[in-house]
All heavy atoms as atom14 arrays in JSON, in Angstrom:
{
  "sequence": "GSLRLSCAASGVSLGSHYMGWYRQRPGEQRELVARIGTGLTIVYDE",
  "atom14_mask": [
    [1, 1, 1, 1, 0, 0, 0, 0, 0, 0, 0, 0, 0, 0],
    [1, 1, 1, 1, 1, 1, 0, 0, 0, 0, 0, 0, 0, 0],
    [1, 1, 1, 1, 1, 1, 1, 1, 0, 0, 0, 0, 0, 0],
    [1, 1, 1, 1, 1, 1, 1, 1, 1, 1, 1, 0, 0, 0],
    [1, 1, 1, 1, 1, 1, 1, 1, 0, 0, 0, 0, 0, 0],
    [1, 1, 1, 1, 1, 1, 0, 0, 0, 0, 0, 0, 0, 0],
    [1, 1, 1, 1, 1, 1, 0, 0, 0, 0, 0, 0, 0, 0],
    [1, 1, 1, 1, 1, 0, 0, 0, 0, 0, 0, 0, 0, 0],
    [1, 1, 1, 1, 1, 0, 0, 0, 0, 0, 0, 0, 0, 0],
    [1, 1, 1, 1, 1, 1, 0, 0, 0, 0, 0, 0, 0, 0],
    [1, 1, 1, 1, 0, 0, 0, 0, 0, 0, 0, 0, 0, 0],
    [1, 1, 1, 1, 1, 1, 1, 0, 0, 0, 0, 0, 0, 0],
    [1, 1, 1, 1, 1, 1, 0, 0, 0, 0, 0, 0, 0, 0],
    [1, 1, 1, 1, 1, 1, 1, 1, 0, 0, 0, 0, 0, 0],
    [1, 1, 1, 1, 0, 0, 0, 0, 0, 0, 0, 0, 0, 0],
    [1, 1, 1, 1, 1, 1, 0, 0, 0, 0, 0, 0, 0, 0],
    [1, 1, 1, 1, 1, 1, 1, 1, 1, 1, 0, 0, 0, 0],
    [1, 1, 1, 1, 1, 1, 1, 1, 1, 1, 1, 1, 0, 0],
    [1, 1, 1, 1, 1, 1, 1, 1, 0, 0, 0, 0, 0, 0],
    [1, 1, 1, 1, 0, 0, 0, 0, 0, 0, 0, 0, 0, 0],
    [1, 1, 1, 1, 1, 1, 1, 1, 1, 1, 1, 1, 1, 1],
    [1, 1, 1, 1, 1, 1, 1, 1, 1, 1, 1, 1, 0, 0],
    [1, 1, 1, 1, 1, 1, 1, 1, 1, 1, 1, 0, 0, 0],
    [1, 1, 1, 1, 1, 1, 1, 1, 1, 0, 0, 0, 0, 0],
    [1, 1, 1, 1, 1, 1, 1, 1, 1, 1, 1, 0, 0, 0],
    [1, 1, 1, 1, 1, 1, 1, 0, 0, 0, 0, 0, 0, 0],
    [1, 1, 1, 1, 0, 0, 0, 0, 0, 0, 0, 0, 0, 0],
    [1, 1, 1, 1, 1, 1, 1, 1, 1, 0, 0, 0, 0, 0],
    [1, 1, 1, 1, 1, 1, 1, 1, 1, 0, 0, 0, 0, 0],
    [1, 1, 1, 1, 1, 1, 1, 1, 1, 1, 1, 0, 0, 0],
    [1, 1, 1, 1, 1, 1, 1, 1, 1, 0, 0, 0, 0, 0],
    [1, 1, 1, 1, 1, 1, 1, 1, 0, 0, 0, 0, 0, 0],
    [1, 1, 1, 1, 1, 1, 1, 0, 0, 0, 0, 0, 0, 0],
    [1, 1, 1, 1, 1, 0, 0, 0, 0, 0, 0, 0, 0, 0],
    [1, 1, 1, 1, 1, 1, 1, 1, 1, 1, 1, 0, 0, 0],
    [1, 1, 1, 1, 1, 1, 1, 1, 0, 0, 0, 0, 0, 0],
    [1, 1, 1, 1, 0, 0, 0, 0, 0, 0, 0, 0, 0, 0],
    [1, 1, 1, 1, 1, 1, 1, 0, 0, 0, 0, 0, 0, 0],
    [1, 1, 1, 1, 0, 0, 0, 0, 0, 0, 0, 0, 0, 0],
    [1, 1, 1, 1, 1, 1, 1, 1, 0, 0, 0, 0, 0, 0],
    [1, 1, 1, 1, 1, 1, 1, 0, 0, 0, 0, 0, 0, 0],
    [1, 1, 1, 1, 1, 1, 1, 1, 0, 0, 0, 0, 0, 0],
    [1, 1, 1, 1, 1, 1, 1, 0, 0, 0, 0, 0, 0, 0],
    [1, 1, 1, 1, 1, 1, 1, 1, 1, 1, 1, 1, 0, 0],
    [1, 1, 1, 1, 1, 1, 1, 1, 0, 0, 0, 0, 0, 0],
    [1, 1, 1, 1, 1, 1, 1, 1, 1, 0, 0, 0, 0, 0]
  ],
  "atom14_positions": [
    [[-7.42, 50.45, -92.21], [-7.79, 49.41, -93.14], [-7.86, 48.03, -92.5], [-7.69, 47.88, -91.29], [0.0, 0.0, 0.0], [0.0, 0.0, 0.0], [0.0, 0.0, 0.0], [0.0, 0.0, 0.0], [0.0, 0.0, 0.0], [0.0, 0.0, 0.0], [0.0, 0.0, 0.0], [0.0, 0.0, 0.0], [0.0, 0.0, 0.0], [0.0, 0.0, 0.0]],
    [[-8.1, 47.03, -93.35], [-8.27, 45.66, -92.87], [-7.45, 44.68, -93.71], [-7.17, 44.94, -94.89], [-9.75, 45.25, -92.96], [-10.56, 46.07, -92.15], [0.0, 0.0, 0.0], [0.0, 0.0, 0.0], [0.0, 0.0, 0.0], [0.0, 0.0, 0.0], [0.0, 0.0, 0.0], [0.0, 0.0, 0.0], [0.0, 0.0, 0.0], [0.0, 0.0, 0.0]],
    [[-7.09, 43.59, -93.08], [-6.46, 42.47, -93.75], [-6.97, 41.19, -93.12], [-7.35, 41.18, -91.94], [-4.93, 42.51, -93.61], [-4.16, 43.55, -94.42], [-2.7, 43.59, -93.96], [-4.24, 43.27, -95.91], [0.0, 0.0, 0.0], [0.0, 0.0, 0.0], [0.0, 0.0, 0.0], [0.0, 0.0, 0.0], [0.0, 0.0, 0.0], [0.0, 0.0, 0.0]],
    [[-6.94, 40.11, -93.9], [-7.28, 38.81, -93.34], [-6.11, 37.88, -93.59], [-5.75, 37.6, -94.74], [-8.54, 38.24, -93.99], [-9.04, 36.96, -93.33], [-10.11, 36.31, -94.15], [-10.82, 35.27, -93.41], [-11.37, 34.21, -93.98], [-11.29, 34.04, -95.29], [-12.0, 33.31, -93.25], [0.0, 0.0, 0.0], [0.0, 0.0, 0.0], [0.0, 0.0, 0.0]],
    [[-5.52, 37.4, -92.51], [-4.41, 36.47, -92.6], [-4.92, 35.04, -92.51], [-5.9, 34.76, -91.82], [-3.41, 36.72, -91.47], [-2.89, 38.15, -91.31], [-1.82, 38.18, -90.21], [-2.36, 38.7, -92.61], [0.0, 0.0, 0.0], [0.0, 0.0, 0.0], [0.0, 0.0, 0.0], [0.0, 0.0, 0.0], [0.0, 0.0, 0.0], [0.0, 0.0, 0.0]],
    [[-4.22, 34.15, -93.21], [-4.53, 32.73, -93.17], [-3.28, 31.95, -92.8], [-2.17, 32.34, -93.17], [-5.06, 32.24, -94.52], [-6.23, 32.91, -94.91], [0.0, 0.0, 0.0], [0.0, 0.0, 0.0], [0.0, 0.0, 0.0], [0.0, 0.0, 0.0], [0.0, 0.0, 0.0], [0.0, 0.0, 0.0], [0.0, 0.0, 0.0], [0.0, 0.0, 0.0]],
    [[-3.49, 30.85, -92.13], [-2.4, 29.94, -91.77], [-2.84, 28.54, -92.13], [-3.77, 28.0, -91.51], [-2.1, 30.05, -90.28], [-1.02, 28.73, -89.66], [0.0, 0.0, 0.0], [0.0, 0.0, 0.0], [0.0, 0.0, 0.0], [0.0, 0.0, 0.0], [0.0, 0.0, 0.0], [0.0, 0.0, 0.0], [0.0, 0.0, 0.0], [0.0, 0.0, 0.0]],
    [[-2.2, 27.98, -93.14], [-2.52, 26.63, -93.58], [-1.45, 25.68, -93.08], [-0.26, 26.0, -93.1], [-2.61, 26.58, -95.1], [0.0, 0.0, 0.0], [0.0, 0.0, 0.0], [0.0, 0.0, 0.0], [0.0, 0.0, 0.0], [0.0, 0.0, 0.0], [0.0, 0.0, 0.0], [0.0, 0.0, 0.0], [0.0, 0.0, 0.0], [0.0, 0.0, 0.0]],
    [[-1.89, 24.51, -92.64], [-0.96, 23.54, -92.07], [-0.98, 22.23, -92.85], [-2.0, 21.83, -93.4], [-1.29, 23.27, -90.61], [0.0, 0.0, 0.0], [0.0, 0.0, 0.0], [0.0, 0.0, 0.0], [0.0, 0.0, 0.0], [0.0, 0.0, 0.0], [0.0, 0.0, 0.0], [0.0, 0.0, 0.0], [0.0, 0.0, 0.0], [0.0, 0.0, 0.0]],
    [[0.16, 21.59, -92.86], [0.25, 20.22, -93.38], [1.05, 19.41, -92.38], [1.84, 19.94, -91.61], [0.92, 20.2, -94.76], [2.22, 20.73, -94.69], [0.0, 0.0, 0.0], [0.0, 0.0, 0.0], [0.0, 0.0, 0.0], [0.0, 0.0, 0.0], [0.0, 0.0, 0.0], [0.0, 0.0, 0.0], [0.0, 0.0, 0.0], [0.0, 0.0, 0.0]],
    [[0.79, 18.1, -92.37], [1.51, 17.23, -91.45], [0.92, 17.15, -90.06], [1.46, 16.45, -89.19], [0.0, 0.0, 0.0], [0.0, 0.0, 0.0], [0.0, 0.0, 0.0], [0.0, 0.0, 0.0], [0.0, 0.0, 0.0], [0.0, 0.0, 0.0], [0.0, 0.0, 0.0], [0.0, 0.0, 0.0], [0.0, 0.0, 0.0], [0.0, 0.0, 0.0]],
    [[-0.17, 17.86, -89.83], [-0.81, 17.87, -88.52], [-2.26, 18.28, -88.7], [-2.59, 19.03, -89.62], [-0.1, 18.84, -87.55], [-0.25, 20.29, -88.01], [-0.63, 18.67, -86.12], [0.0, 0.0, 0.0], [0.0, 0.0, 0.0], [0.0, 0.0, 0.0], [0.0, 0.0, 0.0], [0.0, 0.0, 0.0], [0.0, 0.0, 0.0], [0.0, 0.0, 0.0]],
    [[-3.11, 17.8, -87.8], [-4.5, 18.24, -87.8], [-4.64, 19.35, -86.78], [-4.55, 19.12, -85.57], [-5.42, 17.06, -87.45], [-6.75, 17.5, -87.35], [0.0, 0.0, 0.0], [0.0, 0.0, 0.0], [0.0, 0.0, 0.0], [0.0, 0.0, 0.0], [0.0, 0.0, 0.0], [0.0, 0.0, 0.0], [0.0, 0.0, 0.0], [0.0, 0.0, 0.0]],
    [[-4.84, 20.58, -87.26], [-4.9, 21.72, -86.35], [-6.06, 21.64, -85.38], [-6.03, 22.25, -84.31], [-4.99, 23.02, -87.15], [-3.77, 23.4, -87.98], [-3.98, 24.77, -88.62], [-2.5, 23.38, -87.14], [0.0, 0.0, 0.0], [0.0, 0.0, 0.0], [0.0, 0.0, 0.0], [0.0, 0.0, 0.0], [0.0, 0.0, 0.0], [0.0, 0.0, 0.0]],
    [[-7.1, 20.9, -85.73], [-8.27, 20.82, -84.88], [-8.0, 20.26, -83.5], [-8.79, 20.46, -82.58], [0.0, 0.0, 0.0], [0.0, 0.0, 0.0], [0.0, 0.0, 0.0], [0.0, 0.0, 0.0], [0.0, 0.0, 0.0], [0.0, 0.0, 0.0], [0.0, 0.0, 0.0], [0.0, 0.0, 0.0], [0.0, 0.0, 0.0], [0.0, 0.0, 0.0]],
    [[-6.87, 19.6, -83.33], [-6.53, 19.01, -82.04], [-5.64, 19.91, -81.2], [-5.19, 19.5, -80.12], [-5.81, 17.68, -82.25], [-6.6, 16.8, -83.0], [0.0, 0.0, 0.0], [0.0, 0.0, 0.0], [0.0, 0.0, 0.0], [0.0, 0.0, 0.0], [0.0, 0.0, 0.0], [0.0, 0.0, 0.0], [0.0, 0.0, 0.0], [0.0, 0.0, 0.0]],
    [[-5.37, 21.12, -81.69], [-4.34, 21.95, -81.05], [-4.82, 23.35, -80.74], [-5.69, 23.91, -81.41], [-3.11, 22.0, -81.96], [-2.45, 20.67, -82.11], [-1.6, 20.15, -81.16], [-2.54, 19.75, -83.09], [-1.18, 18.96, -81.55], [-1.75, 18.69, -82.71], [0.0, 0.0, 0.0], [0.0, 0.0, 0.0], [0.0, 0.0, 0.0], [0.0, 0.0, 0.0]],
    [[-4.2, 23.91, -79.73], [-4.43, 25.27, -79.26], [-3.52, 26.16, -80.1], [-2.31, 26.09, -79.98], [-4.04, 25.34, -77.79], [-4.52, 26.52, -77.0], [-5.3, 27.53, -77.55], [-4.19, 26.61, -75.66], [-5.73, 28.59, -76.79], [-4.62, 27.68, -74.88], [-5.39, 28.67, -75.45], [-5.82, 29.73, -74.69], [0.0, 0.0, 0.0], [0.0, 0.0, 0.0]],
    [[-4.13, 26.96, -80.97], [-3.37, 27.7, -81.96], [-3.35, 29.19, -81.67], [-4.29, 29.74, -81.08], [-3.97, 27.48, -83.36], [-3.83, 26.05, -83.84], [-2.1, 25.54, -84.01], [-1.54, 26.68, -85.29], [0.0, 0.0, 0.0], [0.0, 0.0, 0.0], [0.0, 0.0, 0.0], [0.0, 0.0, 0.0], [0.0, 0.0, 0.0], [0.0, 0.0, 0.0]],
    [[-2.28, 29.83, -82.12], [-2.17, 31.25, -81.89], [-1.56, 31.99, -83.07], [-0.89, 31.38, -83.92], [0.0, 0.0, 0.0], [0.0, 0.0, 0.0], [0.0, 0.0, 0.0], [0.0, 0.0, 0.0], [0.0, 0.0, 0.0], [0.0, 0.0, 0.0], [0.0, 0.0, 0.0], [0.0, 0.0, 0.0], [0.0, 0.0, 0.0], [0.0, 0.0, 0.0]],
    [[-1.8, 33.28, -83.11], [-1.13, 34.18, -84.04], [-0.14, 35.02, -83.24], [-0.48, 35.57, -82.19], [-2.13, 35.09, -84.74], [-2.81, 34.43, -85.91], [-4.03, 33.84, -85.92], [-2.3, 34.31, -87.23], [-4.31, 33.35, -87.16], [-3.25, 33.62, -88.0], [-1.12, 34.72, -87.86], [-3.08, 33.33, -89.35], [-0.94, 34.43, -89.2], [-1.92, 33.74, -89.93]],
    [[1.06, 35.12, -83.79], [2.14, 35.84, -83.15], [2.55, 37.0, -84.06], [2.51, 36.88, -85.28], [3.35, 34.92, -82.94], [3.07, 33.75, -82.03], [2.37, 32.64, -82.49], [3.53, 33.74, -80.72], [2.12, 31.56, -81.65], [3.29, 32.67, -79.88], [2.58, 31.58, -80.36], [2.34, 30.51, -79.53], [0.0, 0.0, 0.0], [0.0, 0.0, 0.0]],
    [[3.0, 38.07, -83.44], [3.47, 39.23, -84.19], [4.91, 39.55, -83.76], [5.22, 39.55, -82.57], [2.59, 40.46, -83.9], [3.06, 41.75, -84.5], [2.07, 42.87, -84.24], [1.92, 43.15, -82.82], [0.86, 43.76, -82.28], [-0.15, 44.15, -83.06], [0.8, 43.99, -80.98], [0.0, 0.0, 0.0], [0.0, 0.0, 0.0], [0.0, 0.0, 0.0]],
    [[5.73, 39.82, -84.73], [7.1, 40.28, -84.44], [7.3, 41.64, -85.07], [7.43, 41.76, -86.3], [8.14, 39.28, -84.95], [9.55, 39.65, -84.5], [10.53, 38.5, -84.69], [10.31, 37.58, -85.46], [11.62, 38.55, -83.94], [0.0, 0.0, 0.0], [0.0, 0.0, 0.0], [0.0, 0.0, 0.0], [0.0, 0.0, 0.0], [0.0, 0.0, 0.0]],
    [[7.29, 42.66, -84.25], [7.55, 44.02, -84.72], [9.03, 44.17, -85.01], [9.86, 43.46, -84.43], [7.12, 45.03, -83.67], [5.61, 45.1, -83.45], [5.31, 45.93, -82.24], [3.9, 46.25, -82.1], [3.3, 46.42, -80.94], [3.99, 46.3, -79.82], [2.01, 46.72, -80.89], [0.0, 0.0, 0.0], [0.0, 0.0, 0.0], [0.0, 0.0, 0.0]],
    [[9.4, 45.1, -85.86], [10.83, 45.31, -86.18], [11.64, 45.54, -84.93], [11.31, 46.4, -84.1], [10.8, 46.56, -87.07], [9.44, 46.56, -87.68], [8.52, 46.0, -86.64], [0.0, 0.0, 0.0], [0.0, 0.0, 0.0], [0.0, 0.0, 0.0], [0.0, 0.0, 0.0], [0.0, 0.0, 0.0], [0.0, 0.0, 0.0], [0.0, 0.0, 0.0]],
    [[12.69, 44.75, -84.76], [13.6, 44.91, -83.63], [13.07, 44.4, -82.3], [13.7, 44.61, -81.26], [0.0, 0.0, 0.0], [0.0, 0.0, 0.0], [0.0, 0.0, 0.0], [0.0, 0.0, 0.0], [0.0, 0.0, 0.0], [0.0, 0.0, 0.0], [0.0, 0.0, 0.0], [0.0, 0.0, 0.0], [0.0, 0.0, 0.0], [0.0, 0.0, 0.0]],
    [[11.93, 43.73, -82.3], [11.34, 43.25, -81.06], [11.19, 41.73, -81.06], [11.33, 41.07, -82.08], [10.0, 43.93, -80.81], [10.08, 45.44, -80.65], [8.75, 46.06, -80.27], [7.82, 45.32, -79.89], [8.65, 47.29, -80.35], [0.0, 0.0, 0.0], [0.0, 0.0, 0.0], [0.0, 0.0, 0.0], [0.0, 0.0, 0.0], [0.0, 0.0, 0.0]],
    [[10.85, 41.21, -79.88], [10.6, 39.78, -79.74], [9.22, 39.43, -80.33], [8.33, 40.27, -80.41], [10.59, 39.4, -78.25], [11.88, 39.67, -77.52], [12.82, 38.49, -77.53], [12.65, 37.57, -78.33], [13.81, 38.5, -76.67], [0.0, 0.0, 0.0], [0.0, 0.0, 0.0], [0.0, 0.0, 0.0], [0.0, 0.0, 0.0], [0.0, 0.0, 0.0]],
    [[9.07, 38.22, -80.7], [7.79, 37.72, -81.17], [6.82, 37.68, -79.98], [7.19, 37.25, -78.89], [8.0, 36.32, -81.74], [6.9, 35.8, -82.63], [7.37, 34.5, -83.26], [8.39, 34.71, -84.26], [9.25, 33.76, -84.67], [9.18, 32.57, -84.12], [10.13, 34.02, -85.58], [0.0, 0.0, 0.0], [0.0, 0.0, 0.0], [0.0, 0.0, 0.0]],
    [[5.58, 38.12, -80.19], [4.6, 38.14, -79.12], [3.29, 37.51, -79.59], [2.91, 37.63, -80.76], [4.33, 39.59, -78.68], [3.84, 40.51, -79.8], [3.57, 41.93, -79.34], [3.44, 42.16, -78.12], [3.45, 42.81, -80.21], [0.0, 0.0, 0.0], [0.0, 0.0, 0.0], [0.0, 0.0, 0.0], [0.0, 0.0, 0.0], [0.0, 0.0, 0.0]],
    [[2.61, 36.9, -78.66], [1.32, 36.25, -78.95], [0.23, 37.3, -78.91], [0.06, 37.97, -77.9], [1.06, 35.15, -77.92], [-0.23, 34.37, -78.04], [-0.29, 33.59, -79.34], [-0.37, 33.41, -76.85], [0.0, 0.0, 0.0], [0.0, 0.0, 0.0], [0.0, 0.0, 0.0], [0.0, 0.0, 0.0], [0.0, 0.0, 0.0], [0.0, 0.0, 0.0]],
    [[-0.54, 37.45, -80.0], [-1.58, 38.48, -80.02], [-2.98, 37.9, -79.97], [-3.92, 38.6, -79.58], [-1.45, 39.41, -81.24], [-0.13, 40.17, -81.2], [-1.56, 38.63, -82.55], [0.0, 0.0, 0.0], [0.0, 0.0, 0.0], [0.0, 0.0, 0.0], [0.0, 0.0, 0.0], [0.0, 0.0, 0.0], [0.0, 0.0, 0.0], [0.0, 0.0, 0.0]],
    [[-3.15, 36.64, -80.35], [-4.48, 36.03, -80.31], [-4.32, 34.52, -80.27], [-3.41, 33.98, -80.9], [-5.3, 36.43, -81.53], [0.0, 0.0, 0.0], [0.0, 0.0, 0.0], [0.0, 0.0, 0.0], [0.0, 0.0, 0.0], [0.0, 0.0, 0.0], [0.0, 0.0, 0.0], [0.0, 0.0, 0.0], [0.0, 0.0, 0.0], [0.0, 0.0, 0.0]],
    [[-5.2, 33.85, -79.52], [-5.13, 32.4, -79.46], [-6.54, 31.83, -79.4], [-7.45, 32.46, -78.87], [-4.27, 31.93, -78.3], [-4.69, 32.43, -76.93], [-3.6, 32.03, -75.93], [-3.99, 32.19, -74.55], [-3.65, 33.2, -73.77], [-2.95, 34.19, -74.27], [-4.04, 33.23, -72.52], [0.0, 0.0, 0.0], [0.0, 0.0, 0.0], [0.0, 0.0, 0.0]],
    [[-6.66, 30.61, -79.92], [-7.96, 29.95, -79.98], [-7.79, 28.49, -79.61], [-6.92, 27.8, -80.15], [-8.61, 30.12, -81.38], [-9.99, 29.48, -81.42], [-7.7, 29.57, -82.48], [-10.8, 29.89, -82.66], [0.0, 0.0, 0.0], [0.0, 0.0, 0.0], [0.0, 0.0, 0.0], [0.0, 0.0, 0.0], [0.0, 0.0, 0.0], [0.0, 0.0, 0.0]],
    [[-8.58, 28.04, -78.67], [-8.5, 26.68, -78.21], [-9.36, 25.74, -79.04], [-10.13, 26.15, -79.89], [0.0, 0.0, 0.0], [0.0, 0.0, 0.0], [0.0, 0.0, 0.0], [0.0, 0.0, 0.0], [0.0, 0.0, 0.0], [0.0, 0.0, 0.0], [0.0, 0.0, 0.0], [0.0, 0.0, 0.0], [0.0, 0.0, 0.0], [0.0, 0.0, 0.0]],
    [[-9.23, 24.47, -78.74], [-10.02, 23.46, -79.45], [-11.51, 23.6, -79.13], [-12.35, 23.23, -79.94], [-9.54, 22.05, -79.1], [-9.6, 21.89, -77.68], [-8.1, 21.83, -79.57], [0.0, 0.0, 0.0], [0.0, 0.0, 0.0], [0.0, 0.0, 0.0], [0.0, 0.0, 0.0], [0.0, 0.0, 0.0], [0.0, 0.0, 0.0], [0.0, 0.0, 0.0]],
    [[-11.81, 24.13, -77.97], [-13.19, 24.39, -77.6], [-13.64, 25.79, -77.98], [-14.67, 26.27, -77.5], [0.0, 0.0, 0.0], [0.0, 0.0, 0.0], [0.0, 0.0, 0.0], [0.0, 0.0, 0.0], [0.0, 0.0, 0.0], [0.0, 0.0, 0.0], [0.0, 0.0, 0.0], [0.0, 0.0, 0.0], [0.0, 0.0, 0.0], [0.0, 0.0, 0.0]],
    [[-12.85, 26.44, -78.82], [-13.09, 27.79, -79.33], [-12.97, 28.87, -78.27], [-13.48, 29.97, -78.44], [-14.46, 27.88, -80.04], [-14.63, 26.95, -81.24], [-15.97, 27.18, -81.9], [-13.5, 27.13, -82.24], [0.0, 0.0, 0.0], [0.0, 0.0, 0.0], [0.0, 0.0, 0.0], [0.0, 0.0, 0.0], [0.0, 0.0, 0.0], [0.0, 0.0, 0.0]],
    [[-12.31, 28.56, -77.17], [-11.94, 29.62, -76.22], [-10.96, 30.55, -76.9], [-9.98, 30.11, -77.5], [-11.28, 29.01, -74.98], [-12.19, 28.09, -74.37], [-10.9, 30.09, -73.99], [0.0, 0.0, 0.0], [0.0, 0.0, 0.0], [0.0, 0.0, 0.0], [0.0, 0.0, 0.0], [0.0, 0.0, 0.0], [0.0, 0.0, 0.0], [0.0, 0.0, 0.0]],
    [[-11.22, 31.84, -76.8], [-10.4, 32.83, -77.51], [-9.88, 33.87, -76.53], [-10.62, 34.33, -75.66], [-11.23, 33.52, -78.61], [-11.53, 32.53, -79.74], [-10.51, 34.74, -79.17], [-12.46, 33.06, -80.79], [0.0, 0.0, 0.0], [0.0, 0.0, 0.0], [0.0, 0.0, 0.0], [0.0, 0.0, 0.0], [0.0, 0.0, 0.0], [0.0, 0.0, 0.0]],
    [[-8.61, 34.21, -76.68], [-8.0, 35.24, -75.84], [-7.21, 36.17, -76.74], [-6.5, 35.71, -77.65], [-7.07, 34.62, -74.78], [-6.43, 35.71, -73.94], [-7.82, 33.64, -73.9], [0.0, 0.0, 0.0], [0.0, 0.0, 0.0], [0.0, 0.0, 0.0], [0.0, 0.0, 0.0], [0.0, 0.0, 0.0], [0.0, 0.0, 0.0], [0.0, 0.0, 0.0]],
    [[-7.32, 37.47, -76.49], [-6.58, 38.47, -77.26], [-5.66, 39.27, -76.36], [-5.98, 39.54, -75.2], [-7.55, 39.45, -77.94], [-8.46, 38.81, -78.95], [-9.79, 38.56, -78.65], [-7.99, 38.46, -80.21], [-10.63, 37.96, -79.58], [-8.82, 37.87, -81.15], [-10.14, 37.62, -80.82], [-10.96, 37.03, -81.74], [0.0, 0.0, 0.0], [0.0, 0.0, 0.0]],
    [[-4.56, 39.69, -76.93], [-3.71, 40.67, -76.26], [-4.48, 41.99, -76.22], [-5.25, 42.3, -77.14], [-2.4, 40.81, -77.02], [-1.45, 41.76, -76.34], [-0.78, 41.34, -75.39], [-1.39, 42.94, -76.76], [0.0, 0.0, 0.0], [0.0, 0.0, 0.0], [0.0, 0.0, 0.0], [0.0, 0.0, 0.0], [0.0, 0.0, 0.0], [0.0, 0.0, 0.0]],
    [[-4.23, 42.78, -75.18], [-4.93, 44.05, -75.05], [-4.71, 44.97, -76.24], [-5.58, 45.77, -76.59], [-4.48, 44.77, -73.78], [-5.05, 44.19, -72.49], [-6.56, 44.33, -72.42], [-7.1, 45.37, -72.87], [-7.22, 43.4, -71.92], [0.0, 0.0, 0.0], [0.0, 0.0, 0.0], [0.0, 0.0, 0.0], [0.0, 0.0, 0.0], [0.0, 0.0, 0.0]]
  ]
}
């Protein structure tokens, strides 16, 4: 299946920042799974 996650921010303009989505599996450390730069450079975890 599919889901669409959203992240809304206040107190900062996200357009100036390199943003990422992190995942924390049960019992594990938080890990970066996707990131997007201000120039729309995108990197994904394998």
